[in-house]
Every structure is written in C-alpha cells, then in structure tokens.
Amino acid sequence: MSYQKILVALDRTAASDRVFDHALGVAQSSQGQLQLVHSINVNAYDNLGKLIDAGVGLQNSAKVQHEGEAAQLQQVQETQQWLEQLRAEALKCNIEADFICKIADPGPFICQLAESWNADVIVTGNSGKKGLKKLVLGSVSDYVVKHAPCPTMVVPNDNSLEVELLSRAS
C-alpha cells in the first residue's frame, strides 16, 4: 500500500530507532513524506514531594515552579535537537520530513495531529508493557490504534516480531 503522509510517533526510547527506520522505509517505498512527532507527557506526580514541601513552607514555591519549568524547557530543547537529527537523516535519503514537539498527552495529541494533517498512516512503537503496568500506566500505541483517524502501524520493541498494521476502530 502506498502512503504519502506518514506520521511517526516517537518517544525517545531505544525502540524509537526501529520506529523511525521502519517509517523511513515506508516513505522511501512510496515516496511519501514524514511528520516526526514527540509529545512530552506532563506527569503531575514528578515533583509531588517538592510541591508538598512548598505547600507546607519547607521550600519556596516559586523556586520549585521555576525549577520545573526550566527542566521542561531543557527537555523540549533536547527533544527538538534529536528530532532535527532524524529530520536531517530523512532528508539525506531524499525524504521530505518535518517535526513537531509539544507538551501534551501523547495518545490524544497523536490522533488529533493525524486528523488535522490528514495522515495516511501512523507509525508508532510498542513499549512492551504488560499486565498491571500496562493497566495502570496505559499504552499510547493502544490508545492510538483505538482512536486514530487512519491505519496505524505498530512496530514492536522486539526484533523478532513483525510490524502490525491495524485499522482504526469503528
């Protein structure tokens, strides 16, 4: 199948290389373009201890907030540099590519972007979470498969497994 607009959801894990390589191969075979996407998930519990300390006066709340914002900004900048490297790699292969990095809930953001960009397919990875961890933390790839406006290719984190093409849920 030929896909012209390929949205690539990346998460900066080791599996992201496999996802990018697979998406690049799809783009090369169909002369499509890539939209590289990374969503920085804001975890409200990351600074919970510091926020509690600030609430009871053990730490300066403005300082805690400033530190959190500085860390987020640094993460965004590092992610943009990483995405720019991937974009440059795609361009070397004569594949048009752009990227988006945003602080947002990954699953809904990927689906919303796929719809607004009119993506033909989404390529995402599978973290390999199982059991209670998957139940509690959820799975971005599961969310995307169920809510995406287009087919979704799920690239497993295990080299021995095949890429799975899943159509959107009705």
C-alpha atoms as a PDB file:
ATOM      1  CA  MET A   1       0.000   0.000   0.000  1.00  0.00           C
ATOM      2  CA  SER A   2       1.275   3.494  -0.817  1.00  0.00           C
ATOM      3  CA  TYR A   3       1.288   6.108   1.931  1.00  0.00           C
ATOM      4  CA  GLN A   4       2.089   9.721   1.134  1.00  0.00           C
ATOM      5  CA  LYS A   5       1.663  11.327   4.554  1.00  0.00           C
ATOM      6  CA  ILE A   6       3.299   9.274   7.288  1.00  0.00           C
ATOM      7  CA  LEU A   7       3.014  10.470  10.866  1.00  0.00           C
ATOM      8  CA  VAL A   8       5.777   8.971  13.006  1.00  0.00           C
ATOM      9  CA  ALA A   9       5.175   8.945  16.779  1.00  0.00           C
ATOM     10  CA  LEU A  10       8.486   8.746  18.640  1.00  0.00           C
ATOM     11  CA  ASP A  11       9.181   8.548  22.366  1.00  0.00           C
ATOM     12  CA  ARG A  12      12.985   8.774  22.736  1.00  0.00           C
ATOM     13  CA  THR A  13      13.350   5.186  23.884  1.00  0.00           C
ATOM     14  CA  ALA A  14      15.657   2.620  22.299  1.00  0.00           C
ATOM     15  CA  ALA A  15      12.678   1.382  20.265  1.00  0.00           C
ATOM     16  CA  SER A  16      12.379   4.775  18.546  1.00  0.00           C
ATOM     17  CA  ASP A  17      15.229   3.869  16.201  1.00  0.00           C
ATOM     18  CA  ARG A  18      13.241   0.882  14.943  1.00  0.00           C
ATOM     19  CA  VAL A  19      10.110   3.016  14.538  1.00  0.00           C
ATOM     20  CA  PHE A  20      11.993   5.708  12.608  1.00  0.00           C
ATOM     21  CA  ASP A  21      13.793   3.174  10.398  1.00  0.00           C
ATOM     22  CA  HIS A  22      10.515   1.435   9.570  1.00  0.00           C
ATOM     23  CA  ALA A  23       8.763   4.722   8.778  1.00  0.00           C
ATOM     24  CA  LEU A  24      11.709   5.820   6.628  1.00  0.00           C
ATOM     25  CA  GLY A  25      11.445   2.555   4.671  1.00  0.00           C
ATOM     26  CA  VAL A  26       7.719   3.087   4.139  1.00  0.00           C
ATOM     27  CA  ALA A  27       8.354   6.645   2.957  1.00  0.00           C
ATOM     28  CA  GLN A  28      11.102   5.519   0.569  1.00  0.00           C
ATOM     29  CA  SER A  29       8.942   2.815  -0.979  1.00  0.00           C
ATOM     30  CA  SER A  30       6.033   5.197  -1.581  1.00  0.00           C
ATOM     31  CA  GLN A  31       7.958   8.472  -1.963  1.00  0.00           C
ATOM     32  CA  GLY A  32       5.958   9.830   0.941  1.00  0.00           C
ATOM     33  CA  GLN A  33       6.719  12.485   3.493  1.00  0.00           C
ATOM     34  CA  LEU A  34       7.297  12.141   7.233  1.00  0.00           C
ATOM     35  CA  GLN A  35       5.891  14.134  10.112  1.00  0.00           C
ATOM     36  CA  LEU A  36       8.016  13.239  13.145  1.00  0.00           C
ATOM     37  CA  VAL A  37       6.129  13.721  16.390  1.00  0.00           C
ATOM     38  CA  HIS A  38       7.160  13.658  20.011  1.00  0.00           C
ATOM     39  CA  SER A  39       4.820  14.529  22.834  1.00  0.00           C
ATOM     40  CA  ILE A  40       6.287  15.348  26.211  1.00  0.00           C
ATOM     41  CA  ASN A  41       3.868  13.983  28.743  1.00  0.00           C
ATOM     42  CA  VAL A  42       3.428  16.206  31.778  1.00  0.00           C
ATOM     43  CA  ASN A  43       3.380  13.953  34.803  1.00  0.00           C
ATOM     44  CA  ALA A  44       1.682  15.753  37.656  1.00  0.00           C
ATOM     45  CA  TYR A  45       3.407  13.470  40.168  1.00  0.00           C
ATOM     46  CA  ASP A  46       7.009  14.109  39.100  1.00  0.00           C
ATOM     47  CA  ASN A  47       7.526  16.946  41.585  1.00  0.00           C
ATOM     48  CA  LEU A  48       4.924  15.880  44.110  1.00  0.00           C
ATOM     49  CA  GLY A  49       7.381  15.758  47.024  1.00  0.00           C
ATOM     50  CA  LYS A  50       8.739  19.214  46.251  1.00  0.00           C
ATOM     51  CA  LEU A  51       5.237  20.595  45.779  1.00  0.00           C
ATOM     52  CA  ILE A  52       4.143  19.209  49.145  1.00  0.00           C
ATOM     53  CA  ASP A  53       7.240  20.709  50.764  1.00  0.00           C
ATOM     54  CA  ALA A  54       6.426  24.064  49.146  1.00  0.00           C
ATOM     55  CA  GLY A  55       2.822  23.802  50.317  1.00  0.00           C
ATOM     56  CA  VAL A  56       3.876  23.446  53.946  1.00  0.00           C
ATOM     57  CA  GLY A  57       6.588  26.070  53.648  1.00  0.00           C
ATOM     58  CA  LEU A  58       9.645  23.813  53.578  1.00  0.00           C
ATOM     59  CA  GLN A  59      10.623  25.056  50.092  1.00  0.00           C
ATOM     60  CA  ASN A  60       9.962  28.240  48.174  1.00  0.00           C
ATOM     61  CA  SER A  61       7.018  27.512  45.832  1.00  0.00           C
ATOM     62  CA  ALA A  62       8.268  29.988  43.208  1.00  0.00           C
ATOM     63  CA  LYS A  63      11.650  28.228  43.169  1.00  0.00           C
ATOM     64  CA  VAL A  64      10.005  24.808  42.794  1.00  0.00           C
ATOM     65  CA  GLN A  65       7.862  26.106  39.926  1.00  0.00           C
ATOM     66  CA  HIS A  66      10.859  27.753  38.232  1.00  0.00           C
ATOM     67  CA  GLU A  67      12.931  24.548  38.510  1.00  0.00           C
ATOM     68  CA  GLY A  68      10.086  22.536  36.972  1.00  0.00           C
ATOM     69  CA  GLU A  69       9.691  24.964  34.089  1.00  0.00           C
ATOM     70  CA  ALA A  70      13.463  25.047  33.466  1.00  0.00           C
ATOM     71  CA  ALA A  71      13.600  21.238  33.373  1.00  0.00           C
ATOM     72  CA  GLN A  72      10.683  21.132  30.932  1.00  0.00           C
ATOM     73  CA  LEU A  73      12.303  23.727  28.679  1.00  0.00           C
ATOM     74  CA  GLN A  74      15.549  21.766  28.655  1.00  0.00           C
ATOM     75  CA  GLN A  75      13.668  18.575  27.768  1.00  0.00           C
ATOM     76  CA  VAL A  76      11.892  20.338  24.892  1.00  0.00           C
ATOM     77  CA  GLN A  77      15.184  21.735  23.549  1.00  0.00           C
ATOM     78  CA  GLU A  78      16.928  18.351  23.728  1.00  0.00           C
ATOM     79  CA  THR A  79      13.984  16.670  22.021  1.00  0.00           C
ATOM     80  CA  GLN A  80      13.914  19.263  19.242  1.00  0.00           C
ATOM     81  CA  GLN A  81      17.638  18.689  18.592  1.00  0.00           C
ATOM     82  CA  TRP A  82      17.034  14.932  18.431  1.00  0.00           C
ATOM     83  CA  LEU A  83      14.103  15.375  16.036  1.00  0.00           C
ATOM     84  CA  GLU A  84      16.185  17.712  13.881  1.00  0.00           C
ATOM     85  CA  GLN A  85      18.846  14.973  13.598  1.00  0.00           C
ATOM     86  CA  LEU A  86      16.196  12.479  12.470  1.00  0.00           C
ATOM     87  CA  ARG A  87      14.809  15.024  10.015  1.00  0.00           C
ATOM     88  CA  ALA A  88      18.297  15.535   8.556  1.00  0.00           C
ATOM     89  CA  GLU A  89      18.705  11.764   8.204  1.00  0.00           C
ATOM     90  CA  ALA A  90      15.415  11.573   6.273  1.00  0.00           C
ATOM     91  CA  LEU A  91      16.442  14.469   4.035  1.00  0.00           C
ATOM     92  CA  LYS A  92      19.719  12.642   3.214  1.00  0.00           C
ATOM     93  CA  CYS A  93      17.509   9.836   1.888  1.00  0.00           C
ATOM     94  CA  ASN A  94      15.537  12.377  -0.198  1.00  0.00           C
ATOM     95  CA  ILE A  95      12.501  12.049   2.054  1.00  0.00           C
ATOM     96  CA  GLU A  96      10.671  15.241   2.954  1.00  0.00           C
ATOM     97  CA  ALA A  97      10.343  15.468   6.722  1.00  0.00           C
ATOM     98  CA  ASP A  98       9.252  17.892   9.385  1.00  0.00           C
ATOM     99  CA  PHE A  99       8.811  17.557  13.127  1.00  0.00           C
ATOM    100  CA  ILE A 100       6.612  18.670  15.986  1.00  0.00           C
ATOM    101  CA  CYS A 101       7.431  18.558  19.677  1.00  0.00           C
ATOM    102  CA  LYS A 102       4.748  19.553  22.138  1.00  0.00           C
ATOM    103  CA  ILE A 103       3.934  19.180  25.805  1.00  0.00           C
ATOM    104  CA  ALA A 104       0.699  17.204  25.696  1.00  0.00           C
ATOM    105  CA  ASP A 105      -0.922  13.872  26.487  1.00  0.00           C
ATOM    106  CA  PRO A 106       0.658  11.654  23.777  1.00  0.00           C
ATOM    107  CA  GLY A 107      -2.267   9.486  22.644  1.00  0.00           C
ATOM    108  CA  PRO A 108      -4.842  12.225  22.048  1.00  0.00           C
ATOM    109  CA  PHE A 109      -2.182  14.565  20.618  1.00  0.00           C
ATOM    110  CA  ILE A 110      -1.013  11.997  18.047  1.00  0.00           C
ATOM    111  CA  CYS A 111      -4.594  11.261  16.960  1.00  0.00           C
ATOM    112  CA  GLN A 112      -5.508  14.951  16.751  1.00  0.00           C
ATOM    113  CA  LEU A 113      -2.400  15.721  14.700  1.00  0.00           C
ATOM    114  CA  ALA A 114      -3.048  12.750  12.386  1.00  0.00           C
ATOM    115  CA  GLU A 115      -6.515  14.099  11.708  1.00  0.00           C
ATOM    116  CA  SER A 116      -5.513  17.738  11.182  1.00  0.00           C
ATOM    117  CA  TRP A 117      -2.542  16.773   8.965  1.00  0.00           C
ATOM    118  CA  ASN A 118      -4.652  14.211   7.041  1.00  0.00           C
ATOM    119  CA  ALA A 119      -2.126  11.452   7.677  1.00  0.00           C
ATOM    120  CA  ASP A 120      -2.452   8.325   5.563  1.00  0.00           C
ATOM    121  CA  VAL A 121      -0.870   6.175   8.276  1.00  0.00           C
ATOM    122  CA  ILE A 122       0.604   6.482  11.762  1.00  0.00           C
ATOM    123  CA  VAL A 123       3.782   4.584  12.621  1.00  0.00           C
ATOM    124  CA  THR A 124       4.318   4.128  16.346  1.00  0.00           C
ATOM    125  CA  GLY A 125       6.150   1.816  18.672  1.00  0.00           C
ATOM    126  CA  ASN A 126       5.022  -0.615  21.302  1.00  0.00           C
ATOM    127  CA  SER A 127       6.763  -0.281  24.645  1.00  0.00           C
ATOM    128  CA  GLY A 128       6.150  -3.885  25.579  1.00  0.00           C
ATOM    129  CA  LYS A 129       4.340  -3.044  28.834  1.00  0.00           C
ATOM    130  CA  LYS A 130       2.330  -5.981  30.129  1.00  0.00           C
ATOM    131  CA  GLY A 131      -0.049  -6.842  32.912  1.00  0.00           C
ATOM    132  CA  LEU A 132      -0.561  -4.443  35.786  1.00  0.00           C
ATOM    133  CA  LYS A 133       1.951  -1.916  34.481  1.00  0.00           C
ATOM    134  CA  LYS A 134       0.009  -1.646  31.199  1.00  0.00           C
ATOM    135  CA  LEU A 135      -3.290  -1.464  33.053  1.00  0.00           C
ATOM    136  CA  VAL A 136      -2.127   1.293  35.403  1.00  0.00           C
ATOM    137  CA  LEU A 137       0.060   3.322  33.048  1.00  0.00           C
ATOM    138  CA  GLY A 138      -1.833   2.640  29.839  1.00  0.00           C
ATOM    139  CA  SER A 139      -0.348   2.296  26.402  1.00  0.00           C
ATOM    140  CA  VAL A 140      -0.013   5.100  23.888  1.00  0.00           C
ATOM    141  CA  SER A 141       0.010   2.652  20.974  1.00  0.00           C
ATOM    142  CA  ASP A 142      -3.209   1.010  22.238  1.00  0.00           C
ATOM    143  CA  TYR A 143      -4.857   4.421  22.510  1.00  0.00           C
ATOM    144  CA  VAL A 144      -3.723   5.435  19.025  1.00  0.00           C
ATOM    145  CA  VAL A 145      -4.911   2.181  17.439  1.00  0.00           C
ATOM    146  CA  LYS A 146      -8.358   2.630  19.009  1.00  0.00           C
ATOM    147  CA  HIS A 147      -8.774   6.354  18.277  1.00  0.00           C
ATOM    148  CA  ALA A 148      -6.724   7.168  15.164  1.00  0.00           C
ATOM    149  CA  PRO A 149      -8.488   8.506  12.057  1.00  0.00           C
ATOM    150  CA  CYS A 150      -6.274   6.346   9.809  1.00  0.00           C
ATOM    151  CA  PRO A 151      -4.475   2.973   9.845  1.00  0.00           C
ATOM    152  CA  THR A 152      -1.731   2.535  12.438  1.00  0.00           C
ATOM    153  CA  MET A 153       1.470   0.514  12.066  1.00  0.00           C
ATOM    154  CA  VAL A 154       2.755  -0.706  15.419  1.00  0.00           C
ATOM    155  CA  VAL A 155       6.463  -1.502  15.465  1.00  0.00           C
ATOM    156  CA  PRO A 156       7.227  -3.839  18.384  1.00  0.00           C
ATOM    157  CA  ASN A 157      10.254  -3.293  20.588  1.00  0.00           C
ATOM    158  CA  ASP A 158      11.413  -6.860  19.902  1.00  0.00           C
ATOM    159  CA  ASN A 159      13.327  -7.513  16.667  1.00  0.00           C
ATOM    160  CA  SER A 160      11.811 -10.966  16.339  1.00  0.00           C
ATOM    161  CA  LEU A 161       8.282  -9.644  15.943  1.00  0.00           C
ATOM    162  CA  GLU A 162       6.653  -8.340  12.776  1.00  0.00           C
ATOM    163  CA  VAL A 163       5.219  -4.876  12.300  1.00  0.00           C
ATOM    164  CA  GLU A 164       1.472  -4.966  12.636  1.00  0.00           C
ATOM    165  CA  LEU A 165      -0.849  -2.798  10.512  1.00  0.00           C
ATOM    166  CA  LEU A 166      -4.045  -2.048  12.361  1.00  0.00           C
ATOM    167  CA  SER A 167      -7.000  -0.113  11.009  1.00  0.00           C
ATOM    168  CA  ARG A 168      -8.744   2.398  13.166  1.00  0.00           C
ATOM    169  CA  ALA A 169     -11.551   1.216  15.402  1.00  0.00           C
ATOM    170  CA  SER A 170     -15.078   1.863  14.173  1.00  0.00           C
END
